[in-house]
PDB file of N, CA and C in Angstrom:
ATOM      1  N   MET A   1     -43.741  47.679 -29.952  1.00  0.00           N
ATOM      2  CA  MET A   1     -43.520  46.260 -29.807  1.00  0.00           C
ATOM      3  C   MET A   1     -44.831  45.536 -30.136  1.00  0.00           C
ATOM      4  N   PRO A   2     -44.772  44.472 -30.957  1.00  0.00           N
ATOM      5  CA  PRO A   2     -45.981  43.726 -31.284  1.00  0.00           C
ATOM      6  C   PRO A   2     -46.594  43.088 -30.039  1.00  0.00           C
ATOM      7  N   GLN A   3     -47.894  42.991 -30.052  1.00  0.00           N
ATOM      8  CA  GLN A   3     -48.586  42.392 -28.912  1.00  0.00           C
ATOM      9  C   GLN A   3     -49.312  41.136 -29.388  1.00  0.00           C
ATOM     10  N   TYR A   4     -49.167  40.065 -28.636  1.00  0.00           N
ATOM     11  CA  TYR A   4     -49.821  38.802 -28.983  1.00  0.00           C
ATOM     12  C   TYR A   4     -51.246  38.793 -28.452  1.00  0.00           C
ATOM     13  N   THR A   5     -52.166  38.381 -29.303  1.00  0.00           N
ATOM     14  CA  THR A   5     -53.551  38.167 -28.904  1.00  0.00           C
ATOM     15  C   THR A   5     -53.918  36.742 -29.268  1.00  0.00           C
ATOM     16  N   ALA A   6     -54.270  35.963 -28.275  1.00  0.00           N
ATOM     17  CA  ALA A   6     -54.618  34.563 -28.509  1.00  0.00           C
ATOM     18  C   ALA A   6     -55.887  34.472 -29.355  1.00  0.00           C
ATOM     19  N   PRO A   7     -55.916  33.537 -30.308  1.00  0.00           N
ATOM     20  CA  PRO A   7     -57.089  33.393 -31.185  1.00  0.00           C
ATOM     21  C   PRO A   7     -58.205  32.578 -30.517  1.00  0.00           C
ATOM     22  N   ILE A   8     -58.782  33.137 -29.468  1.00  0.00           N
ATOM     23  CA  ILE A   8     -59.798  32.452 -28.670  1.00  0.00           C
ATOM     24  C   ILE A   8     -60.977  31.997 -29.530  1.00  0.00           C
ATOM     25  N   ASN A   9     -61.495  32.865 -30.386  1.00  0.00           N
ATOM     26  CA  ASN A   9     -62.663  32.497 -31.195  1.00  0.00           C
ATOM     27  C   ASN A   9     -62.367  31.307 -32.095  1.00  0.00           C
ATOM     28  N   ASP A  10     -61.174  31.269 -32.660  1.00  0.00           N
ATOM     29  CA  ASP A  10     -60.794  30.138 -33.509  1.00  0.00           C
ATOM     30  C   ASP A  10     -60.719  28.846 -32.695  1.00  0.00           C
ATOM     31  N   MET A  11     -60.124  28.932 -31.515  1.00  0.00           N
ATOM     32  CA  MET A  11     -60.013  27.750 -30.660  1.00  0.00           C
ATOM     33  C   MET A  11     -61.392  27.256 -30.236  1.00  0.00           C
ATOM     34  N   GLN A  12     -62.257  28.191 -29.873  1.00  0.00           N
ATOM     35  CA  GLN A  12     -63.609  27.806 -29.463  1.00  0.00           C
ATOM     36  C   GLN A  12     -64.364  27.157 -30.619  1.00  0.00           C
ATOM     37  N   PHE A  13     -64.211  27.683 -31.819  1.00  0.00           N
ATOM     38  CA  PHE A  13     -64.878  27.090 -32.973  1.00  0.00           C
ATOM     39  C   PHE A  13     -64.428  25.644 -33.170  1.00  0.00           C
ATOM     40  N   VAL A  14     -63.121  25.433 -33.147  1.00  0.00           N
ATOM     41  CA  VAL A  14     -62.604  24.082 -33.370  1.00  0.00           C
ATOM     42  C   VAL A  14     -63.098  23.128 -32.285  1.00  0.00           C
ATOM     43  N   LEU A  15     -63.013  23.535 -31.036  1.00  0.00           N
ATOM     44  CA  LEU A  15     -63.382  22.650 -29.932  1.00  0.00           C
ATOM     45  C   LEU A  15     -64.886  22.408 -29.822  1.00  0.00           C
ATOM     46  N   HIS A  16     -65.676  23.468 -30.024  1.00  0.00           N
ATOM     47  CA  HIS A  16     -67.114  23.346 -29.782  1.00  0.00           C
ATOM     48  C   HIS A  16     -67.915  22.984 -31.035  1.00  0.00           C
ATOM     49  N   GLU A  17     -67.617  23.645 -32.130  1.00  0.00           N
ATOM     50  CA  GLU A  17     -68.412  23.435 -33.337  1.00  0.00           C
ATOM     51  C   GLU A  17     -67.920  22.255 -34.168  1.00  0.00           C
ATOM     52  N   TRP A  18     -66.634  22.155 -34.307  1.00  0.00           N
ATOM     53  CA  TRP A  18     -66.081  21.135 -35.193  1.00  0.00           C
ATOM     54  C   TRP A  18     -65.885  19.800 -34.475  1.00  0.00           C
ATOM     55  N   LEU A  19     -65.241  19.836 -33.306  1.00  0.00           N
ATOM     56  CA  LEU A  19     -64.967  18.597 -32.575  1.00  0.00           C
ATOM     57  C   LEU A  19     -66.084  18.173 -31.623  1.00  0.00           C
ATOM     58  N   GLN A  20     -67.019  19.082 -31.315  1.00  0.00           N
ATOM     59  CA  GLN A  20     -68.111  18.779 -30.380  1.00  0.00           C
ATOM     60  C   GLN A  20     -67.547  18.208 -29.070  1.00  0.00           C
ATOM     61  N   LEU A  21     -66.567  18.892 -28.523  1.00  0.00           N
ATOM     62  CA  LEU A  21     -65.843  18.419 -27.348  1.00  0.00           C
ATOM     63  C   LEU A  21     -66.753  18.080 -26.173  1.00  0.00           C
ATOM     64  N   SER A  22     -67.709  18.942 -25.896  1.00  0.00           N
ATOM     65  CA  SER A  22     -68.600  18.706 -24.756  1.00  0.00           C
ATOM     66  C   SER A  22     -69.361  17.394 -24.901  1.00  0.00           C
ATOM     67  N   ASP A  23     -69.799  17.081 -26.118  1.00  0.00           N
ATOM     68  CA  ASP A  23     -70.525  15.828 -26.349  1.00  0.00           C
ATOM     69  C   ASP A  23     -69.659  14.608 -26.026  1.00  0.00           C
ATOM     70  N   HIS A  24     -68.392  14.696 -26.386  1.00  0.00           N
ATOM     71  CA  HIS A  24     -67.487  13.578 -26.107  1.00  0.00           C
ATOM     72  C   HIS A  24     -67.321  13.359 -24.607  1.00  0.00           C
ATOM     73  N   TYR A  25     -67.136  14.443 -23.869  1.00  0.00           N
ATOM     74  CA  TYR A  25     -66.968  14.303 -22.420  1.00  0.00           C
ATOM     75  C   TYR A  25     -68.266  13.889 -21.737  1.00  0.00           C
ATOM     76  N   GLN A  26     -69.400  14.363 -22.224  1.00  0.00           N
ATOM     77  CA  GLN A  26     -70.688  13.944 -21.667  1.00  0.00           C
ATOM     78  C   GLN A  26     -70.875  12.441 -21.864  1.00  0.00           C
ATOM     79  N   ALA A  27     -70.466  11.932 -23.037  1.00  0.00           N
ATOM     80  CA  ALA A  27     -70.584  10.503 -23.324  1.00  0.00           C
ATOM     81  C   ALA A  27     -69.716   9.669 -22.383  1.00  0.00           C
ATOM     82  N   LEU A  28     -68.657  10.272 -21.870  1.00  0.00           N
ATOM     83  CA  LEU A  28     -67.782   9.578 -20.926  1.00  0.00           C
ATOM     84  C   LEU A  28     -68.267   9.722 -19.480  1.00  0.00           C
ATOM     85  N   GLY A  29     -69.368  10.426 -19.292  1.00  0.00           N
ATOM     86  CA  GLY A  29     -69.917  10.596 -17.948  1.00  0.00           C
ATOM     87  C   GLY A  29     -69.305  11.743 -17.171  1.00  0.00           C
ATOM     88  N   LEU A  30     -68.599  12.610 -17.844  1.00  0.00           N
ATOM     89  CA  LEU A  30     -67.967  13.750 -17.177  1.00  0.00           C
ATOM     90  C   LEU A  30     -68.882  14.966 -17.307  1.00  0.00           C
ATOM     91  N   GLN A  31     -69.918  14.976 -16.492  1.00  0.00           N
ATOM     92  CA  GLN A  31     -70.962  15.998 -16.595  1.00  0.00           C
ATOM     93  C   GLN A  31     -70.466  17.411 -16.270  1.00  0.00           C
ATOM     94  N   ASP A  32     -69.436  17.526 -15.437  1.00  0.00           N
ATOM     95  CA  ASP A  32     -68.926  18.849 -15.054  1.00  0.00           C
ATOM     96  C   ASP A  32     -68.087  19.497 -16.150  1.00  0.00           C
ATOM     97  N   PHE A  33     -67.710  18.720 -17.127  1.00  0.00           N
ATOM     98  CA  PHE A  33     -66.883  19.237 -18.215  1.00  0.00           C
ATOM     99  C   PHE A  33     -67.809  19.728 -19.315  1.00  0.00           C
ATOM    100  N   ASP A  34     -68.046  21.046 -19.346  1.00  0.00           N
ATOM    101  CA  ASP A  34     -68.956  21.598 -20.335  1.00  0.00           C
ATOM    102  C   ASP A  34     -68.301  22.759 -21.075  1.00  0.00           C
ATOM    103  N   GLN A  35     -69.064  23.360 -21.960  1.00  0.00           N
ATOM    104  CA  GLN A  35     -68.543  24.434 -22.796  1.00  0.00           C
ATOM    105  C   GLN A  35     -68.062  25.619 -21.968  1.00  0.00           C
ATOM    106  N   ASP A  36     -68.749  25.951 -20.904  1.00  0.00           N
ATOM    107  CA  ASP A  36     -68.336  27.075 -20.055  1.00  0.00           C
ATOM    108  C   ASP A  36     -66.975  26.816 -19.409  1.00  0.00           C
ATOM    109  N   LEU A  37     -66.762  25.593 -18.951  1.00  0.00           N
ATOM    110  CA  LEU A  37     -65.475  25.243 -18.343  1.00  0.00           C
ATOM    111  C   LEU A  37     -64.355  25.322 -19.377  1.00  0.00           C
ATOM    112  N   VAL A  38     -64.608  24.782 -20.564  1.00  0.00           N
ATOM    113  CA  VAL A  38     -63.603  24.836 -21.627  1.00  0.00           C
ATOM    114  C   VAL A  38     -63.267  26.287 -21.970  1.00  0.00           C
ATOM    115  N   ASN A  39     -64.290  27.128 -22.078  1.00  0.00           N
ATOM    116  CA  ASN A  39     -64.055  28.536 -22.409  1.00  0.00           C
ATOM    117  C   ASN A  39     -63.239  29.238 -21.328  1.00  0.00           C
ATOM    118  N   GLU A  40     -63.507  28.908 -20.072  1.00  0.00           N
ATOM    119  CA  GLU A  40     -62.741  29.526 -18.980  1.00  0.00           C
ATOM    120  C   GLU A  40     -61.282  29.073 -19.019  1.00  0.00           C
ATOM    121  N   ILE A  41     -61.050  27.797 -19.301  1.00  0.00           N
ATOM    122  CA  ILE A  41     -59.676  27.298 -19.428  1.00  0.00           C
ATOM    123  C   ILE A  41     -58.962  28.017 -20.569  1.00  0.00           C
ATOM    124  N   LEU A  42     -59.639  28.157 -21.702  1.00  0.00           N
ATOM    125  CA  LEU A  42     -59.045  28.866 -22.841  1.00  0.00           C
ATOM    126  C   LEU A  42     -58.745  30.322 -22.492  1.00  0.00           C
ATOM    127  N   ASN A  43     -59.684  30.978 -21.822  1.00  0.00           N
ATOM    128  CA  ASN A  43     -59.490  32.383 -21.472  1.00  0.00           C
ATOM    129  C   ASN A  43     -58.323  32.580 -20.511  1.00  0.00           C
ATOM    130  N   GLN A  44     -58.201  31.701 -19.524  1.00  0.00           N
ATOM    131  CA  GLN A  44     -57.089  31.824 -18.574  1.00  0.00           C
ATOM    132  C   GLN A  44     -55.756  31.515 -19.247  1.00  0.00           C
ATOM    133  N   GLY A  45     -55.747  30.522 -20.128  1.00  0.00           N
ATOM    134  CA  GLY A  45     -54.529  30.221 -20.883  1.00  0.00           C
ATOM    135  C   GLY A  45     -54.130  31.374 -21.782  1.00  0.00           C
ATOM    136  N   ALA A  46     -55.108  31.991 -22.424  1.00  0.00           N
ATOM    137  CA  ALA A  46     -54.839  33.139 -23.290  1.00  0.00           C
ATOM    138  C   ALA A  46     -54.284  34.306 -22.481  1.00  0.00           C
ATOM    139  N   LYS A  47     -54.878  34.541 -21.345  1.00  0.00           N
ATOM    140  CA  LYS A  47     -54.405  35.634 -20.474  1.00  0.00           C
ATOM    141  C   LYS A  47     -52.953  35.409 -20.065  1.00  0.00           C
ATOM    142  N   PHE A  48     -52.623  34.180 -19.693  1.00  0.00           N
ATOM    143  CA  PHE A  48     -51.244  33.861 -19.305  1.00  0.00           C
ATOM    144  C   PHE A  48     -50.293  34.044 -20.481  1.00  0.00           C
ATOM    145  N   ALA A  49     -50.686  33.566 -21.650  1.00  0.00           N
ATOM    146  CA  ALA A  49     -49.840  33.694 -22.837  1.00  0.00           C
ATOM    147  C   ALA A  49     -49.635  35.151 -23.220  1.00  0.00           C
ATOM    148  N   GLU A  50     -50.696  35.936 -23.159  1.00  0.00           N
ATOM    149  CA  GLU A  50     -50.629  37.335 -23.567  1.00  0.00           C
ATOM    150  C   GLU A  50     -49.864  38.209 -22.575  1.00  0.00           C
ATOM    151  N   GLU A  51     -50.070  37.965 -21.274  1.00  0.00           N
ATOM    152  CA  GLU A  51     -49.512  38.854 -20.253  1.00  0.00           C
ATOM    153  C   GLU A  51     -48.169  38.398 -19.696  1.00  0.00           C
ATOM    154  N   ILE A  52     -47.904  37.098 -19.694  1.00  0.00           N
ATOM    155  CA  ILE A  52     -46.689  36.586 -19.061  1.00  0.00           C
ATOM    156  C   ILE A  52     -45.682  36.069 -20.088  1.00  0.00           C
ATOM    157  N   ILE A  53     -46.129  35.219 -21.004  1.00  0.00           N
ATOM    158  CA  ILE A  53     -45.211  34.580 -21.952  1.00  0.00           C
ATOM    159  C   ILE A  53     -44.793  35.507 -23.082  1.00  0.00           C
ATOM    160  N   ALA A  54     -45.747  36.129 -23.750  1.00  0.00           N
ATOM    161  CA  ALA A  54     -45.432  36.955 -24.926  1.00  0.00           C
ATOM    162  C   ALA A  54     -44.427  38.076 -24.635  1.00  0.00           C
ATOM    163  N   PRO A  55     -44.539  38.766 -23.510  1.00  0.00           N
ATOM    164  CA  PRO A  55     -43.554  39.820 -23.243  1.00  0.00           C
ATOM    165  C   PRO A  55     -42.113  39.312 -23.093  1.00  0.00           C
ATOM    166  N   LEU A  56     -41.938  38.016 -22.918  1.00  0.00           N
ATOM    167  CA  LEU A  56     -40.590  37.456 -22.768  1.00  0.00           C
ATOM    168  C   LEU A  56     -39.920  37.157 -24.113  1.00  0.00           C
ATOM    169  N   ASN A  57     -40.642  37.312 -25.208  1.00  0.00           N
ATOM    170  CA  ASN A  57     -40.085  36.972 -26.524  1.00  0.00           C
ATOM    171  C   ASN A  57     -38.790  37.712 -26.825  1.00  0.00           C
ATOM    172  N   ARG A  58     -38.768  39.000 -26.552  1.00  0.00           N
ATOM    173  CA  ARG A  58     -37.566  39.786 -26.858  1.00  0.00           C
ATOM    174  C   ARG A  58     -36.367  39.292 -26.061  1.00  0.00           C
ATOM    175  N   GLU A  59     -36.550  39.092 -24.750  1.00  0.00           N
ATOM    176  CA  GLU A  59     -35.449  38.598 -23.913  1.00  0.00           C
ATOM    177  C   GLU A  59     -35.001  37.217 -24.389  1.00  0.00           C
ATOM    178  N   GLY A  60     -35.950  36.390 -24.734  1.00  0.00           N
ATOM    179  CA  GLY A  60     -35.610  35.057 -25.217  1.00  0.00           C
ATOM    180  C   GLY A  60     -34.787  35.111 -26.493  1.00  0.00           C
ATOM    181  N   ASP A  61     -35.147  35.996 -27.402  1.00  0.00           N
ATOM    182  CA  ASP A  61     -34.412  36.131 -28.658  1.00  0.00           C
ATOM    183  C   ASP A  61     -33.035  36.755 -28.443  1.00  0.00           C
ATOM    184  N   GLU A  62     -32.981  37.780 -27.603  1.00  0.00           N
ATOM    185  CA  GLU A  62     -31.723  38.502 -27.422  1.00  0.00           C
ATOM    186  C   GLU A  62     -30.737  37.755 -26.517  1.00  0.00           C
ATOM    187  N   GLN A  63     -31.235  37.138 -25.453  1.00  0.00           N
ATOM    188  CA  GLN A  63     -30.343  36.489 -24.495  1.00  0.00           C
ATOM    189  C   GLN A  63     -30.142  35.007 -24.816  1.00  0.00           C
ATOM    190  N   GLY A  64     -31.203  34.342 -25.198  1.00  0.00           N
ATOM    191  CA  GLY A  64     -31.118  32.910 -25.463  1.00  0.00           C
ATOM    192  C   GLY A  64     -30.788  32.122 -24.204  1.00  0.00           C
ATOM    193  N   ALA A  65     -30.919  30.826 -24.296  1.00  0.00           N
ATOM    194  CA  ALA A  65     -30.535  29.945 -23.193  1.00  0.00           C
ATOM    195  C   ALA A  65     -29.045  29.636 -23.314  1.00  0.00           C
ATOM    196  N   LYS A  66     -28.405  29.459 -22.182  1.00  0.00           N
ATOM    197  CA  LYS A  66     -26.961  29.190 -22.172  1.00  0.00           C
ATOM    198  C   LYS A  66     -26.669  27.966 -21.298  1.00  0.00           C
ATOM    199  N   LEU A  67     -25.661  27.229 -21.689  1.00  0.00           N
ATOM    200  CA  LEU A  67     -25.192  26.106 -20.888  1.00  0.00           C
ATOM    201  C   LEU A  67     -23.931  26.577 -20.169  1.00  0.00           C
ATOM    202  N   ILE A  68     -24.029  26.702 -18.851  1.00  0.00           N
ATOM    203  CA  ILE A  68     -22.910  27.202 -18.051  1.00  0.00           C
ATOM    204  C   ILE A  68     -22.587  26.156 -16.985  1.00  0.00           C
ATOM    205  N   ASN A  69     -21.384  25.589 -17.074  1.00  0.00           N
ATOM    206  CA  ASN A  69     -20.944  24.569 -16.115  1.00  0.00           C
ATOM    207  C   ASN A  69     -21.960  23.433 -15.965  1.00  0.00           C
ATOM    208  N   GLY A  70     -22.531  23.008 -17.072  1.00  0.00           N
ATOM    209  CA  GLY A  70     -23.470  21.899 -17.051  1.00  0.00           C
ATOM    210  C   GLY A  70     -24.896  22.274 -16.661  1.00  0.00           C
ATOM    211  N   ASP A  71     -25.148  23.540 -16.392  1.00  0.00           N
ATOM    212  CA  ASP A  71     -26.489  24.004 -16.030  1.00  0.00           C
ATOM    213  C   ASP A  71     -27.035  24.883 -17.144  1.00  0.00           C
ATOM    214  N   VAL A  72     -28.322  24.719 -17.421  1.00  0.00           N
ATOM    215  CA  VAL A  72     -28.973  25.577 -18.408  1.00  0.00           C
ATOM    216  C   VAL A  72     -29.457  26.839 -17.702  1.00  0.00           C
ATOM    217  N   VAL A  73     -29.067  27.975 -18.234  1.00  0.00           N
ATOM    218  CA  VAL A  73     -29.484  29.272 -17.698  1.00  0.00           C
ATOM    219  C   VAL A  73     -30.432  29.888 -18.720  1.00  0.00           C
ATOM    220  N   THR A  74     -31.657  30.147 -18.293  1.00  0.00           N
ATOM    221  CA  THR A  74     -32.663  30.700 -19.196  1.00  0.00           C
ATOM    222  C   THR A  74     -32.605  32.223 -19.189  1.00  0.00           C
ATOM    223  N   PRO A  75     -33.182  32.842 -20.204  1.00  0.00           N
ATOM    224  CA  PRO A  75     -33.209  34.307 -20.251  1.00  0.00           C
ATOM    225  C   PRO A  75     -33.975  34.894 -19.066  1.00  0.00           C
ATOM    226  N   ASP A  76     -33.714  36.156 -18.789  1.00  0.00           N
ATOM    227  CA  ASP A  76     -34.389  36.856 -17.694  1.00  0.00           C
ATOM    228  C   ASP A  76     -35.904  36.698 -17.809  1.00  0.00           C
ATOM    229  N   GLY A  77     -36.537  36.369 -16.709  1.00  0.00           N
ATOM    230  CA  GLY A  77     -37.982  36.271 -16.647  1.00  0.00           C
ATOM    231  C   GLY A  77     -38.544  34.881 -16.892  1.00  0.00           C
ATOM    232  N   PHE A  78     -37.790  34.003 -17.556  1.00  0.00           N
ATOM    233  CA  PHE A  78     -38.307  32.681 -17.893  1.00  0.00           C
ATOM    234  C   PHE A  78     -38.552  31.823 -16.657  1.00  0.00           C
ATOM    235  N   ALA A  79     -37.650  31.846 -15.701  1.00  0.00           N
ATOM    236  CA  ALA A  79     -37.826  31.039 -14.484  1.00  0.00           C
ATOM    237  C   ALA A  79     -39.050  31.494 -13.707  1.00  0.00           C
ATOM    238  N   ASN A  80     -39.238  32.804 -13.594  1.00  0.00           N
ATOM    239  CA  ASN A  80     -40.409  33.316 -12.879  1.00  0.00           C
ATOM    240  C   ASN A  80     -41.702  32.981 -13.611  1.00  0.00           C
ATOM    241  N   ALA A  81     -41.691  33.052 -14.928  1.00  0.00           N
ATOM    242  CA  ALA A  81     -42.873  32.696 -15.712  1.00  0.00           C
ATOM    243  C   ALA A  81     -43.218  31.229 -15.503  1.00  0.00           C
ATOM    244  N   TYR A  82     -42.209  30.378 -15.470  1.00  0.00           N
ATOM    245  CA  TYR A  82     -42.449  28.955 -15.253  1.00  0.00           C
ATOM    246  C   TYR A  82     -43.013  28.707 -13.854  1.00  0.00           C
ATOM    247  N   LYS A  83     -42.470  29.395 -12.857  1.00  0.00           N
ATOM    248  CA  LYS A  83     -42.982  29.251 -11.484  1.00  0.00           C
ATOM    249  C   LYS A  83     -44.456  29.665 -11.408  1.00  0.00           C
ATOM    250  N   GLU A  84     -44.803  30.739 -12.099  1.00  0.00           N
ATOM    251  CA  GLU A  84     -46.198  31.189 -12.102  1.00  0.00           C
ATOM    252  C   GLU A  84     -47.090  30.189 -12.824  1.00  0.00           C
ATOM    253  N   TYR A  85     -46.580  29.627 -13.915  1.00  0.00           N
ATOM    254  CA  TYR A  85     -47.311  28.587 -14.646  1.00  0.00           C
ATOM    255  C   TYR A  85     -47.604  27.400 -13.743  1.00  0.00           C
ATOM    256  N   VAL A  86     -46.618  26.938 -13.022  1.00  0.00           N
ATOM    257  CA  VAL A  86     -46.778  25.800 -12.113  1.00  0.00           C
ATOM    258  C   VAL A  86     -47.756  26.155 -10.987  1.00  0.00           C
ATOM    259  N   ALA A  87     -47.618  27.353 -10.441  1.00  0.00           N
ATOM    260  CA  ALA A  87     -48.488  27.773  -9.342  1.00  0.00           C
ATOM    261  C   ALA A  87     -49.956  27.835  -9.766  1.00  0.00           C
ATOM    262  N   ASN A  88     -50.200  28.128 -11.042  1.00  0.00           N
ATOM    263  CA  ASN A  88     -51.567  28.221 -11.539  1.00  0.00           C
ATOM    264  C   ASN A  88     -52.141  26.880 -11.989  1.00  0.00           C
ATOM    265  N   GLY A  89     -51.362  25.842 -11.847  1.00  0.00           N
ATOM    266  CA  GLY A  89     -51.854  24.506 -12.163  1.00  0.00           C
ATOM    267  C   GLY A  89     -51.957  24.265 -13.637  1.00  0.00           C
TER     268      GLY A  89
END
């Protein structure tokens, strides 16, 4: 089964080298928002995508979402993944 690996280096290049994200937030007076914080957010998002979301691709493709009596029923694992996403802020 293929495994998803988030393109962290590409994202970091765009945010830090090309967009100079930290400079923009510093100009707004948001001193706590720096490159280390951005990298940690990217790393945690990548971990969630790789470990929780990507493994659900097969179930999503095979089961699909269904409309049953006016309610949407998601494939196995999707509701739990969403709950974990919400719990992690």
